[in-house]
Amino acid sequence: MSNLHSNFNQKIDYVFKVVLIGDSAVGKSQLLARFSRNEFSLDSKATIGVEFQTKTLVIDHKTIKAQIWDTAGQERAVTSAYYRGAVGAMLVYDITKRQSFDHVARWLEELRGHADKNIVIMLVGNKTDLGSLRNVSTEDAKEFAQMENLFFMETSALEATNVESAFLAVLTEIYRIISKKALTANEELESGGSASLLKGTKIVVPGQEPQPEGRFSCCKTS
């Protein structure tokens, strides 16, 4: 517990908003619970509305606050506000439900239509603990991910397999992109051009003003 408490006293260098998308009942909420609180509930029920959890971690000596948003059973009513400011996305399907994988292309199209074009996306095949019921081959998913230039990982929220690795991979890639652009961003700020900073999306925590030290950035890759 002491480690968790110490995080609250640390200066937050970056806040990264990551959204969970995909069909109902593929395990998005369970992945979030496993990553943020290391919990799993067999009788989990669909939650109404949109919710998010936060987790603070350190990447390359920088303190990163991950803000993970979950559609929580409202998949058909996801709006552009849900995607606004997101710098990462976990596109989740259930390896035992072929239909949930078939819908991935539609989710991806919607995501790319609403989010920043340089958003970091991880395709996640969840429920590997149900391997005997598998209806989506790893090869099919890998092929789709390569074709669409997505990261890819298979997970089990129940067994905690690859859950942390998947989130960390996305957060680390976001940090890599942003730190790579830090010098350019600083030059823009110094010249008073922060309003059009690299023509990307600023990372701002809802309800907070951007911090003057440059705690916002964008995700435009070269």
Protein backbone atom coordinates (compact mmCIF):
# COMPACT_ATOMS: atom_id res chain seq x y z
CA MET A 1 0.00 0.00 0.00
CA SER A 2 2.87 2.37 0.72
CA ASN A 3 3.92 2.36 -2.93
CA LEU A 4 0.43 3.36 -4.00
CA HIS A 5 0.30 6.22 -1.51
CA SER A 6 3.71 7.50 -2.57
CA ASN A 7 2.44 7.88 -6.13
CA PHE A 8 -0.01 10.56 -5.02
CA ASN A 9 2.88 12.72 -3.85
CA GLN A 10 4.80 12.48 -7.10
CA LYS A 11 4.78 15.14 -9.76
CA ILE A 12 2.83 13.84 -12.74
CA ASP A 13 4.82 14.42 -15.92
CA TYR A 14 2.19 13.22 -18.38
CA VAL A 15 -1.43 12.12 -18.40
CA PHE A 16 -2.29 9.67 -21.17
CA LYS A 17 -5.94 8.97 -22.00
CA VAL A 18 -6.48 5.47 -23.38
CA VAL A 19 -9.90 4.23 -24.52
CA LEU A 20 -11.23 0.67 -24.51
CA ILE A 21 -13.43 -0.20 -27.48
CA GLY A 22 -14.99 -3.33 -28.94
CA ASP A 23 -18.23 -5.31 -28.78
CA SER A 24 -20.15 -5.94 -25.54
CA ALA A 25 -19.04 -8.83 -23.32
CA VAL A 26 -15.53 -9.20 -24.77
CA GLY A 27 -14.01 -8.40 -21.36
CA LYS A 28 -13.10 -4.71 -21.62
CA SER A 29 -14.17 -3.92 -18.06
CA GLN A 30 -12.36 -7.00 -16.78
CA LEU A 31 -9.15 -5.97 -18.54
CA LEU A 32 -9.46 -2.54 -16.95
CA ALA A 33 -10.10 -3.98 -13.48
CA ARG A 34 -7.15 -6.35 -13.83
CA PHE A 35 -4.76 -3.61 -14.96
CA SER A 36 -5.86 -0.84 -12.59
CA ARG A 37 -6.70 -2.84 -9.45
CA ASN A 38 -5.49 -6.40 -10.19
CA GLU A 39 -9.07 -7.64 -9.72
CA PHE A 40 -11.32 -10.02 -11.62
CA SER A 41 -14.98 -10.76 -10.93
CA LEU A 42 -16.75 -13.76 -12.48
CA ASP A 43 -20.17 -12.17 -11.94
CA SER A 44 -19.27 -8.81 -13.42
CA LYS A 45 -22.28 -6.97 -14.81
CA ALA A 46 -22.36 -4.37 -17.57
CA THR A 47 -22.10 -0.92 -16.02
CA ILE A 48 -24.26 1.96 -17.20
CA GLY A 49 -22.54 5.00 -18.63
CA VAL A 50 -18.87 5.67 -19.16
CA GLU A 51 -16.28 5.22 -16.46
CA PHE A 52 -12.53 5.44 -16.17
CA GLN A 53 -9.79 4.24 -13.85
CA THR A 54 -6.35 5.68 -13.37
CA LYS A 55 -3.02 4.06 -12.70
CA THR A 56 0.26 5.83 -12.09
CA LEU A 57 3.46 4.25 -13.38
CA VAL A 58 7.01 5.25 -14.23
CA ILE A 59 8.41 5.05 -17.76
CA ASP A 60 11.98 6.18 -18.41
CA HIS A 61 12.08 7.98 -15.02
CA LYS A 62 8.96 9.98 -15.92
CA THR A 63 5.76 9.63 -13.89
CA ILE A 64 2.88 8.75 -16.19
CA LYS A 65 -0.76 8.80 -15.12
CA ALA A 66 -2.74 6.44 -17.33
CA GLN A 67 -6.40 7.36 -17.56
CA ILE A 68 -8.21 4.33 -19.01
CA TRP A 69 -11.77 4.90 -20.26
CA ASP A 70 -14.33 2.11 -20.59
CA THR A 71 -17.55 2.24 -22.62
CA ALA A 72 -19.13 0.11 -19.89
CA GLY A 73 -21.90 -1.57 -21.84
CA GLN A 74 -22.80 1.50 -23.92
CA GLU A 75 -20.95 0.42 -27.06
CA ARG A 76 -23.70 1.50 -29.47
CA ALA A 77 -23.81 4.97 -27.98
CA VAL A 78 -20.10 5.80 -28.05
CA THR A 79 -19.76 9.46 -29.01
CA SER A 80 -16.93 11.61 -30.31
CA ALA A 81 -16.52 13.00 -26.76
CA TYR A 82 -15.41 9.54 -25.62
CA TYR A 83 -12.52 9.59 -28.10
CA ARG A 84 -11.58 13.25 -27.58
CA GLY A 85 -8.04 13.64 -26.29
CA ALA A 86 -7.31 9.90 -26.45
CA VAL A 87 -3.69 9.09 -27.33
CA GLY A 88 -4.07 5.33 -27.08
CA ALA A 89 -6.76 2.69 -27.68
CA MET A 90 -7.26 -0.97 -26.84
CA LEU A 91 -9.47 -2.57 -29.49
CA VAL A 92 -10.74 -5.73 -27.81
CA TYR A 93 -12.40 -8.86 -29.20
CA ASP A 94 -13.21 -12.26 -27.69
CA ILE A 95 -11.19 -15.13 -29.20
CA THR A 96 -14.22 -17.42 -28.71
CA LYS A 97 -16.64 -15.12 -30.58
CA ARG A 98 -15.86 -14.76 -34.26
CA GLN A 99 -18.43 -11.99 -34.63
CA SER A 100 -16.59 -9.79 -32.13
CA PHE A 101 -13.47 -10.11 -34.32
CA ASP A 102 -15.45 -9.48 -37.51
CA HIS A 103 -16.64 -6.19 -35.99
CA VAL A 104 -13.08 -5.01 -35.27
CA ALA A 105 -12.79 -3.32 -38.70
CA ARG A 106 -15.91 -1.26 -38.00
CA TRP A 107 -14.60 -0.22 -34.57
CA LEU A 108 -11.28 0.73 -36.11
CA GLU A 109 -12.98 2.86 -38.75
CA GLU A 110 -15.00 4.68 -36.08
CA LEU A 111 -11.92 5.17 -33.90
CA ARG A 112 -9.90 6.62 -36.77
CA GLY A 113 -12.81 8.85 -37.72
CA HIS A 114 -13.00 10.45 -34.27
CA ALA A 115 -9.54 10.19 -32.69
CA ASP A 116 -6.21 11.80 -33.51
CA LYS A 117 -4.79 10.11 -36.60
CA ASN A 118 -1.59 9.17 -34.77
CA ILE A 119 -3.31 7.42 -31.87
CA VAL A 120 -1.48 4.28 -30.69
CA ILE A 121 -3.76 1.26 -31.15
CA MET A 122 -3.41 -2.25 -29.69
CA LEU A 123 -5.59 -5.07 -31.01
CA VAL A 124 -6.37 -7.33 -28.05
CA GLY A 125 -7.67 -10.89 -28.33
CA ASN A 126 -9.07 -11.56 -24.86
CA LYS A 127 -10.13 -14.77 -23.03
CA THR A 128 -7.17 -17.01 -23.94
CA ASP A 129 -8.12 -19.06 -20.86
CA LEU A 130 -10.98 -20.41 -23.03
CA GLY A 131 -8.57 -21.79 -25.62
CA SER A 132 -10.64 -24.93 -26.28
CA LEU A 133 -13.48 -22.67 -27.48
CA ARG A 134 -11.27 -20.54 -29.74
CA ASN A 135 -12.96 -19.29 -32.91
CA VAL A 136 -10.38 -16.69 -33.99
CA SER A 137 -6.90 -17.91 -34.84
CA THR A 138 -3.87 -15.96 -33.66
CA GLU A 139 -2.67 -15.91 -37.28
CA ASP A 140 -5.87 -14.20 -38.52
CA ALA A 141 -5.58 -11.52 -35.86
CA LYS A 142 -1.86 -10.99 -36.48
CA GLU A 143 -2.47 -10.63 -40.20
CA PHE A 144 -5.19 -8.03 -39.61
CA ALA A 145 -3.01 -6.13 -37.12
CA GLN A 146 -0.08 -6.03 -39.56
CA MET A 147 -2.31 -4.90 -42.41
CA GLU A 148 -3.74 -2.05 -40.30
CA ASN A 149 -0.44 -1.20 -38.58
CA LEU A 150 -1.69 -2.08 -35.08
CA PHE A 151 0.07 -3.58 -32.10
CA PHE A 152 -1.34 -7.01 -31.21
CA MET A 153 -1.48 -9.17 -28.11
CA GLU A 154 -3.67 -11.97 -26.76
CA THR A 155 -4.71 -11.71 -23.13
CA SER A 156 -6.64 -13.36 -20.33
CA ALA A 157 -8.12 -10.98 -17.79
CA LEU A 158 -9.11 -14.02 -15.70
CA GLU A 159 -5.58 -15.45 -15.54
CA ALA A 160 -3.89 -12.01 -15.74
CA THR A 161 -2.00 -13.13 -18.84
CA ASN A 162 -0.40 -10.29 -20.85
CA VAL A 163 -2.82 -7.69 -19.44
CA GLU A 164 -0.14 -5.49 -17.92
CA SER A 165 2.15 -6.11 -20.89
CA ALA A 166 -0.52 -4.93 -23.34
CA PHE A 167 -1.24 -1.69 -21.49
CA LEU A 168 2.46 -1.03 -20.88
CA ALA A 169 3.26 -1.55 -24.57
CA VAL A 170 0.69 1.10 -25.55
CA LEU A 171 1.73 3.57 -22.84
CA THR A 172 5.43 3.12 -23.63
CA GLU A 173 4.84 3.73 -27.34
CA ILE A 174 2.82 6.88 -26.56
CA TYR A 175 5.66 8.11 -24.36
CA ARG A 176 8.23 7.28 -27.06
CA ILE A 177 6.32 9.35 -29.63
CA ILE A 178 5.85 12.28 -27.28
CA SER A 179 9.41 12.36 -25.94
CA LYS A 180 10.70 12.17 -29.50
CA LYS A 181 8.79 15.38 -30.25
CA ALA A 182 9.73 17.13 -26.98
CA LEU A 183 12.44 19.33 -28.49
CA THR A 184 10.19 20.49 -31.32
CA ALA A 185 7.36 21.10 -28.85
CA ASN A 186 9.61 23.22 -26.64
CA GLU A 187 10.69 25.28 -29.63
CA GLU A 188 7.04 25.83 -30.56
CA LEU A 189 6.19 26.92 -27.02
CA GLU A 190 9.12 29.31 -26.87
CA SER A 191 8.05 30.92 -30.13
CA GLY A 192 4.49 31.34 -28.84
CA GLY A 193 3.04 28.73 -31.16
CA SER A 194 1.49 26.49 -28.53
CA ALA A 195 -2.01 26.87 -29.96
CA SER A 196 -1.02 24.93 -33.07
CA LEU A 197 1.50 22.69 -31.35
CA LEU A 198 2.54 20.28 -34.11
CA LYS A 199 -1.10 20.33 -35.22
CA GLY A 200 -1.72 17.42 -32.88
CA THR A 201 -3.95 16.70 -29.93
CA LYS A 202 -2.99 18.15 -26.56
CA ILE A 203 -3.08 15.80 -23.62
CA VAL A 204 -5.25 17.51 -21.04
CA VAL A 205 -6.94 15.94 -18.04
CA PRO A 206 -10.66 16.81 -18.07
CA GLY A 207 -11.38 19.54 -15.54
CA GLN A 208 -7.79 20.70 -15.35
CA GLU A 209 -6.03 23.50 -17.14
CA PRO A 210 -2.89 22.71 -19.15
CA GLN A 211 0.18 23.02 -16.96
CA PRO A 212 2.72 25.70 -17.92
CA GLU A 213 5.63 23.27 -17.61
CA GLY A 214 4.48 21.58 -20.82
CA ARG A 215 2.47 18.72 -19.38
CA PHE A 216 0.61 18.34 -22.59
CA SER A 217 1.81 17.27 -25.94
CA CYS A 218 0.70 15.64 -29.10
CA CYS A 219 1.13 12.42 -30.90
CA LYS A 220 2.07 13.41 -34.41
CA THR A 221 4.67 11.03 -35.74
CA SER A 222 7.10 11.86 -38.45
